[in-house]
């Protein structure tokens, strides 16, 4: 048994955060139907790229969302579901006849989770955009990168997945708990701007206290500190150095052969010169040599692995962090390993309705 066994969730197929949230909910045991575009409505752009990971664990059901017959079938499925998740722009689901009002009329306990970039309300709600646009509005993007260059895109991890998918998943699970006791569902409005702003809350608070600068790479956790950043090695690889605590910093200095009296940790005026000194030292040896050198110390120095290397690291192998090169479900729970289907199955709308009829539950 997985933690979410017994929950039924409809996922209206999309890209980015709703897909990632669907993967997480399925990984944790929810019985999910991923409503994909039918052949007549056009194939999903994501069926081939990334589908092996992000579509795992749930059945794909081709649907023509503009078909009256398919709409009635989807409404019937919603009547037997615990939650719905979707990632369309505001108003789209209402125009198609699948908005919260229509679905909750069939099922008052239904939790309706929505994830968008700008949210359901506000002057930008109906504007197009992507992860980089959303995180740019929150202050978080401005903090990424080198001080003399434009901000660096942090992949699409912060907006799509952190501020979007994770917040949607958390909100849906909270609303499901409430619905079990009240019998009433909620509408969850997960905006990537809201979620990303929340993720950056610590740094806003530090800035308010005068201990965080808006200048990139000038602060404790943004690469400004010589003891919390990455360094290039002789072979072109990199090491990550995160010796924040004084004890760990002392271990770093010891491993580098640096006299502590000549390298005070929090003399911020000396950080640039100390960073250059550390860089010169790390450039004298290969990445894996440094990793071995610091392996049994408290210096918090580890190799920066590539995507290709990560699945074969001994720690990741021991924990089965990857399965056939792709990340395994997380977080972990006690009991049997959370296994996932190798290839998501496909079912017709009729098959899905038959499986979800009350007597089948």
Protein backbone atom coordinates (compact mmCIF):
# COMPACT_ATOMS: atom_id res chain seq x y z
CA UNK A 1 0.00 0.00 0.00
CA UNK A 2 1.21 3.47 -0.89
CA UNK A 3 0.21 6.59 1.11
CA UNK A 4 -2.37 7.80 -1.42
CA UNK A 5 -3.91 4.43 -2.27
CA UNK A 6 -7.67 4.81 -2.66
CA UNK A 7 -7.59 8.37 -4.00
CA UNK A 8 -8.80 8.98 -7.53
CA UNK A 9 -7.48 12.00 -9.40
CA UNK A 10 -8.17 13.32 -12.90
CA UNK A 11 -5.29 15.14 -14.61
CA UNK A 12 -6.00 17.31 -17.61
CA UNK A 13 -2.84 16.81 -19.65
CA UNK A 14 -0.50 19.75 -19.98
CA UNK A 15 3.14 20.75 -19.69
CA UNK A 16 5.43 21.72 -16.84
CA UNK A 17 4.01 21.90 -13.33
CA UNK A 18 0.72 20.02 -13.75
CA UNK A 19 2.57 17.08 -15.31
CA UNK A 20 5.16 17.02 -12.55
CA UNK A 21 2.46 17.23 -9.87
CA UNK A 22 0.61 14.35 -11.54
CA UNK A 23 3.78 12.26 -11.48
CA UNK A 24 4.29 12.91 -7.77
CA UNK A 25 0.70 12.09 -6.85
CA UNK A 26 0.84 8.89 -8.89
CA UNK A 27 4.20 7.95 -7.36
CA UNK A 28 2.57 8.17 -3.93
CA UNK A 29 -0.23 5.82 -4.91
CA UNK A 30 -3.12 7.90 -6.24
CA UNK A 31 -5.12 6.19 -8.98
CA UNK A 32 -4.90 8.70 -11.78
CA UNK A 33 -6.34 9.15 -15.24
CA UNK A 34 -4.37 11.51 -17.46
CA UNK A 35 -6.84 12.98 -19.94
CA UNK A 36 -4.82 13.46 -23.11
CA UNK A 37 -5.77 15.01 -26.40
CA UNK A 38 -7.44 12.56 -28.76
CA UNK A 39 -6.12 12.00 -32.27
CA UNK A 40 -8.84 14.25 -33.64
CA UNK A 41 -7.85 17.04 -31.28
CA UNK A 42 -4.10 16.77 -31.92
CA UNK A 43 -1.40 14.80 -30.12
CA UNK A 44 0.19 16.05 -26.93
CA UNK A 45 3.53 17.69 -27.59
CA UNK A 46 4.98 15.98 -24.53
CA UNK A 47 4.02 12.38 -25.27
CA UNK A 48 7.45 11.58 -26.68
CA UNK A 49 9.79 14.05 -24.96
CA UNK A 50 10.03 13.36 -21.25
CA UNK A 51 7.03 11.08 -21.18
CA UNK A 52 8.92 8.12 -19.75
CA UNK A 53 9.47 10.06 -16.52
CA UNK A 54 6.80 12.72 -16.20
CA UNK A 55 3.91 10.55 -17.43
CA UNK A 56 4.75 7.49 -15.36
CA UNK A 57 2.29 5.81 -13.05
CA UNK A 58 -1.02 6.84 -14.57
CA UNK A 59 -3.30 5.70 -17.34
CA UNK A 60 -3.61 7.90 -20.42
CA UNK A 61 -7.18 8.40 -21.64
CA UNK A 62 -7.53 10.15 -25.03
CA UNK A 63 -10.27 12.81 -24.89
CA UNK A 64 -11.60 15.43 -27.27
CA UNK A 65 -12.37 18.21 -24.80
CA UNK A 66 -14.62 19.96 -27.33
CA UNK A 67 -16.80 16.90 -27.92
CA UNK A 68 -20.18 16.92 -26.14
CA UNK A 69 -20.10 13.16 -25.71
CA UNK A 70 -16.60 13.19 -24.26
CA UNK A 71 -17.54 16.11 -21.99
CA UNK A 72 -20.37 14.09 -20.47
CA UNK A 73 -18.01 11.18 -19.91
CA UNK A 74 -15.44 13.41 -18.21
CA UNK A 75 -18.12 14.93 -15.96
CA UNK A 76 -19.17 11.40 -15.02
CA UNK A 77 -15.56 10.57 -14.13
CA UNK A 78 -15.33 13.74 -12.03
CA UNK A 79 -18.39 12.57 -10.09
CA UNK A 80 -16.32 9.61 -8.85
CA UNK A 81 -13.00 11.45 -8.41
CA UNK A 82 -11.45 12.94 -5.28
CA UNK A 83 -9.53 15.66 -7.11
CA UNK A 84 -8.82 17.26 -10.47
CA UNK A 85 -5.63 19.02 -11.50
CA UNK A 86 -5.21 21.26 -14.53
CA UNK A 87 -2.81 23.87 -15.85
CA UNK A 88 -4.73 25.83 -18.47
CA UNK A 89 -4.82 29.62 -18.59
CA UNK A 90 -7.65 31.23 -16.58
CA UNK A 91 -11.08 30.83 -18.16
CA UNK A 92 -10.15 28.04 -20.59
CA UNK A 93 -11.66 25.23 -18.52
CA UNK A 94 -14.82 27.24 -17.91
CA UNK A 95 -15.27 27.86 -21.64
CA UNK A 96 -14.82 24.16 -22.34
CA UNK A 97 -17.33 23.21 -19.66
CA UNK A 98 -14.87 21.69 -17.17
CA UNK A 99 -14.50 24.54 -14.68
CA UNK A 100 -14.82 24.11 -10.91
CA UNK A 101 -18.48 25.08 -10.86
CA UNK A 102 -19.43 22.46 -13.45
CA UNK A 103 -17.40 19.66 -11.87
CA UNK A 104 -18.25 20.42 -8.25
CA UNK A 105 -21.94 20.53 -9.18
CA UNK A 106 -21.55 16.82 -9.90
CA UNK A 107 -19.30 16.20 -6.90
CA UNK A 108 -19.35 18.77 -4.06
CA UNK A 109 -16.41 17.08 -2.31
CA UNK A 110 -14.16 17.38 -5.37
CA UNK A 111 -10.87 19.22 -4.86
CA UNK A 112 -10.07 21.31 -7.94
CA UNK A 113 -6.37 22.10 -8.28
CA UNK A 114 -5.24 24.74 -10.76
CA UNK A 115 -1.66 25.80 -11.53
CA UNK A 116 -0.72 28.75 -13.72
CA UNK A 117 2.17 31.16 -14.00
CA UNK A 118 0.45 34.35 -12.89
CA UNK A 119 -2.50 32.90 -10.95
CA UNK A 120 -6.24 33.05 -11.57
CA UNK A 121 -6.49 36.78 -10.78
CA UNK A 122 -4.41 39.93 -11.20
CA UNK A 123 -3.54 42.16 -14.18
CA UNK A 124 -1.21 39.54 -15.72
CA UNK A 125 -3.50 36.54 -15.19
CA UNK A 126 -4.31 36.11 -18.88
CA UNK A 127 -0.86 36.90 -20.25
CA UNK A 128 1.36 34.21 -21.74
CA UNK A 129 4.69 33.38 -20.15
CA UNK A 130 7.10 30.71 -19.02
CA UNK A 131 9.09 29.84 -15.92
CA UNK A 132 11.70 32.55 -16.52
CA UNK A 133 9.02 35.25 -16.78
CA UNK A 134 7.28 34.16 -13.60
CA UNK A 135 10.37 33.95 -11.40
CA UNK A 136 11.58 37.25 -12.83
CA UNK A 137 8.59 38.98 -11.23
CA UNK A 138 9.42 37.71 -7.74
CA UNK A 139 12.95 38.98 -7.15
CA UNK A 140 14.35 35.45 -7.12
CA UNK A 141 15.74 35.47 -10.67
CA UNK A 142 17.59 38.72 -10.00
CA UNK A 143 19.62 36.93 -7.33
CA UNK A 144 20.92 34.25 -9.73
CA UNK A 145 24.28 34.46 -11.47
CA UNK A 146 27.41 36.57 -11.61
CA UNK A 147 27.41 40.24 -10.59
CA UNK A 148 28.64 41.58 -13.94
CA UNK A 149 26.34 39.51 -16.16
CA UNK A 150 22.58 39.15 -16.68
CA UNK A 151 20.80 36.81 -14.24
CA UNK A 152 21.29 33.12 -15.07
CA UNK A 153 18.21 30.93 -15.77
CA UNK A 154 18.14 28.24 -13.03
CA UNK A 155 16.66 25.64 -15.42
CA UNK A 156 12.87 25.54 -14.88
CA UNK A 157 13.15 24.11 -11.40
CA UNK A 158 12.15 27.14 -9.34
CA UNK A 159 8.99 28.34 -11.10
CA UNK A 160 7.54 25.28 -12.82
CA UNK A 161 8.43 22.66 -10.26
CA UNK A 162 9.17 24.39 -6.95
CA UNK A 163 6.76 27.32 -7.04
CA UNK A 164 4.21 25.54 -9.23
CA UNK A 165 4.07 21.74 -8.99
CA UNK A 166 5.14 21.44 -5.35
CA UNK A 167 2.71 24.13 -4.21
CA UNK A 168 -0.10 22.57 -6.25
CA UNK A 169 0.61 19.14 -4.77
CA UNK A 170 0.73 20.51 -1.23
CA UNK A 171 -2.47 22.48 -1.70
CA UNK A 172 -4.36 19.56 -3.23
CA UNK A 173 -3.30 17.21 -0.42
CA UNK A 174 -4.33 19.77 2.23
CA UNK A 175 -7.71 20.28 0.56
CA UNK A 176 -8.23 16.50 0.30
CA UNK A 177 -7.69 16.16 4.05
CA UNK A 178 -10.27 18.87 4.68
CA UNK A 179 -12.76 17.35 2.24
CA UNK A 180 -12.61 14.04 4.12
CA UNK A 181 -13.99 15.75 7.22
CA UNK A 182 -16.24 18.45 5.73
CA UNK A 183 -17.51 16.80 2.55
CA UNK A 184 -16.76 20.00 0.65
CA UNK A 185 -14.03 20.45 -1.93
CA UNK A 186 -11.81 23.45 -2.41
CA UNK A 187 -10.43 25.27 -5.43
CA UNK A 188 -6.63 25.43 -5.16
CA UNK A 189 -5.08 28.39 -7.01
CA UNK A 190 -1.35 27.66 -7.32
CA UNK A 191 0.43 30.54 -9.06
CA UNK A 192 4.10 30.13 -9.86
CA UNK A 193 4.65 33.77 -8.94
CA UNK A 194 3.15 33.19 -5.48
CA UNK A 195 5.04 29.95 -4.94
CA UNK A 196 8.37 31.33 -6.11
CA UNK A 197 7.98 34.41 -3.93
CA UNK A 198 7.36 32.11 -0.97
CA UNK A 199 10.49 30.08 -1.79
CA UNK A 200 12.46 33.33 -1.73
CA UNK A 201 10.97 34.46 1.58
CA UNK A 202 14.13 33.87 3.63
CA UNK A 203 16.14 36.18 1.41
CA UNK A 204 13.47 38.87 1.49
CA UNK A 205 13.57 38.67 5.28
CA UNK A 206 17.38 38.84 5.34
CA UNK A 207 17.29 41.82 2.99
CA UNK A 208 14.81 43.53 5.29
CA UNK A 209 17.27 43.07 8.14
CA UNK A 210 20.09 44.60 6.10
CA UNK A 211 22.12 41.40 5.82
CA UNK A 212 21.37 40.57 2.17
CA UNK A 213 22.34 42.70 -0.81
CA UNK A 214 20.55 42.97 -4.16
CA UNK A 215 23.96 42.67 -5.80
CA UNK A 216 24.43 39.17 -7.21
CA UNK A 217 27.26 36.99 -5.86
CA UNK A 218 27.84 39.28 -2.90
CA UNK A 219 26.05 37.28 -0.20
CA UNK A 220 26.43 34.18 1.93
CA UNK A 221 24.45 31.71 -0.22
CA UNK A 222 24.70 33.12 -3.75
CA UNK A 223 28.37 32.45 -4.48
CA UNK A 224 29.68 35.61 -2.87
CA UNK A 225 31.25 33.74 0.06
CA UNK A 226 34.48 31.95 -0.93
CA UNK A 227 33.47 29.01 1.27
CA UNK A 228 30.04 28.55 -0.41
CA UNK A 229 30.51 28.30 -4.15
CA UNK A 230 31.83 26.04 -6.92
CA UNK A 231 35.43 25.89 -8.11
CA UNK A 232 36.98 24.66 -11.34
CA UNK A 233 39.52 21.86 -11.14
CA UNK A 234 42.54 20.96 -13.26
CA UNK A 235 40.62 18.52 -15.47
CA UNK A 236 37.75 20.89 -16.22
CA UNK A 237 35.45 19.39 -13.59
CA UNK A 238 34.03 21.27 -10.62
CA UNK A 239 33.68 20.83 -6.87
CA UNK A 240 30.94 22.26 -4.67
CA UNK A 241 32.23 23.86 -1.47
CA UNK A 242 29.69 24.49 1.31
CA UNK A 243 31.76 24.97 4.47
CA UNK A 244 29.35 27.33 6.21
CA UNK A 245 29.87 26.50 9.90
CA UNK A 246 33.20 27.53 11.49
CA UNK A 247 34.08 23.89 12.19
CA UNK A 248 33.52 22.95 8.57
CA UNK A 249 35.42 26.02 7.39
CA UNK A 250 38.37 25.00 9.55
CA UNK A 251 38.33 21.56 7.90
CA UNK A 252 38.29 23.21 4.47
CA UNK A 253 41.30 25.36 5.31
CA UNK A 254 43.13 22.36 6.71
CA UNK A 255 42.49 20.36 3.56
CA UNK A 256 43.72 23.21 1.38
CA UNK A 257 46.75 23.87 3.56
CA UNK A 258 45.67 27.42 4.36
CA UNK A 259 46.62 29.06 7.66
CA UNK A 260 43.39 30.02 9.50
CA UNK A 261 44.94 33.23 10.80
CA UNK A 262 45.48 34.27 7.21
CA UNK A 263 41.88 33.55 6.12
CA UNK A 264 39.25 34.85 8.57
CA UNK A 265 35.86 33.47 7.52
CA UNK A 266 33.68 36.56 7.77
CA UNK A 267 36.00 39.34 6.67
CA UNK A 268 33.74 40.17 3.73
CA UNK A 269 36.13 42.78 2.38
CA UNK A 270 38.69 40.01 1.89
CA UNK A 271 36.26 37.58 0.25
CA UNK A 272 37.29 38.42 -3.36
CA UNK A 273 40.98 37.81 -2.71
CA UNK A 274 40.27 34.67 -0.67
CA UNK A 275 38.05 33.36 -3.45
CA UNK A 276 40.87 33.87 -5.95
CA UNK A 277 43.24 32.05 -3.62
CA UNK A 278 40.89 29.09 -3.25
CA UNK A 279 40.34 29.02 -7.02
CA UNK A 280 44.06 28.77 -7.65
CA UNK A 281 44.40 25.91 -5.18
CA UNK A 282 41.47 23.89 -6.57
CA UNK A 283 42.86 24.33 -10.08
CA UNK A 284 45.97 22.31 -9.13
CA UNK A 285 44.21 18.93 -8.89
CA UNK A 286 41.49 16.97 -10.70
CA UNK A 287 37.89 16.95 -9.49
CA UNK A 288 37.80 13.35 -8.32
CA UNK A 289 41.17 13.77 -6.63
CA UNK A 290 39.74 16.60 -4.55
CA UNK A 291 36.60 14.56 -3.85
CA UNK A 292 38.73 11.72 -2.49
CA UNK A 293 40.95 14.13 -0.57
CA UNK A 294 37.98 15.64 1.30
CA UNK A 295 35.79 12.51 1.46
CA UNK A 296 36.34 11.67 5.14
CA UNK A 297 36.44 15.27 6.40
CA UNK A 298 33.89 17.86 7.51
CA UNK A 299 34.89 20.34 4.83
CA UNK A 300 31.66 19.85 2.82
CA UNK A 301 33.49 19.48 -0.49
CA UNK A 302 31.83 17.22 -3.06
CA UNK A 303 32.07 16.70 -6.82
CA UNK A 304 29.68 18.46 -9.18
CA UNK A 305 28.39 15.57 -11.27
CA UNK A 306 26.91 15.73 -14.74
CA UNK A 307 23.49 14.27 -15.52
CA UNK A 308 25.28 11.32 -17.10
CA UNK A 309 27.47 10.71 -14.03
CA UNK A 310 24.89 11.15 -11.28
CA UNK A 311 23.09 7.77 -11.59
CA UNK A 312 26.38 5.90 -11.11
CA UNK A 313 27.60 7.65 -7.97
CA UNK A 314 27.98 5.09 -5.13
CA UNK A 315 25.59 6.96 -2.82
CA UNK A 316 22.90 7.20 -5.49
CA UNK A 317 23.40 3.54 -6.37
CA UNK A 318 23.09 2.48 -2.72
CA UNK A 319 19.82 4.38 -2.31
CA UNK A 320 18.50 3.47 -5.78
CA UNK A 321 18.02 7.19 -6.35
CA UNK A 322 17.81 6.49 -10.08
CA UNK A 323 16.00 3.70 -11.90
CA UNK A 324 17.40 2.94 -15.36
CA UNK A 325 18.91 6.40 -15.46
CA UNK A 326 15.77 8.28 -14.40
CA UNK A 327 15.00 9.59 -10.89
CA UNK A 328 13.06 7.22 -8.65
CA UNK A 329 10.03 8.43 -6.64
CA UNK A 330 10.68 10.73 -3.68
CA UNK A 331 10.23 11.20 -0.78
CA UNK A 332 10.73 7.73 0.67
CA UNK A 333 8.26 6.02 2.98
CA UNK A 334 8.79 3.00 5.18
CA UNK A 335 7.62 -0.27 3.72
CA UNK A 336 8.02 -1.59 0.17
CA UNK A 337 9.75 0.53 -2.47
CA UNK A 338 7.39 2.75 -4.46
CA UNK A 339 7.50 0.97 -7.80
CA UNK A 340 6.21 2.58 -10.99
CA UNK A 341 4.97 1.11 -14.24
CA UNK A 342 7.62 0.93 -16.96
CA UNK A 343 5.25 2.39 -19.56
CA UNK A 344 2.01 4.26 -18.78
CA UNK A 345 -1.00 2.30 -20.07
CA UNK A 346 -3.64 3.76 -22.37
CA UNK A 347 -7.39 3.28 -21.88
CA UNK A 348 -10.51 4.47 -23.67
CA UNK A 349 -13.02 6.77 -22.00
CA UNK A 350 -15.49 3.88 -21.82
CA UNK A 351 -12.93 1.66 -20.09
CA UNK A 352 -12.12 4.44 -17.62
CA UNK A 353 -15.80 4.99 -16.83
CA UNK A 354 -16.30 1.27 -16.30
CA UNK A 355 -13.32 1.07 -13.95
CA UNK A 356 -14.44 4.10 -11.93
CA UNK A 357 -18.11 3.17 -11.58
CA UNK A 358 -19.18 3.08 -7.89
CA UNK A 359 -19.52 -0.70 -7.72
CA UNK A 360 -15.96 -1.08 -9.08
CA UNK A 361 -14.52 0.95 -6.19
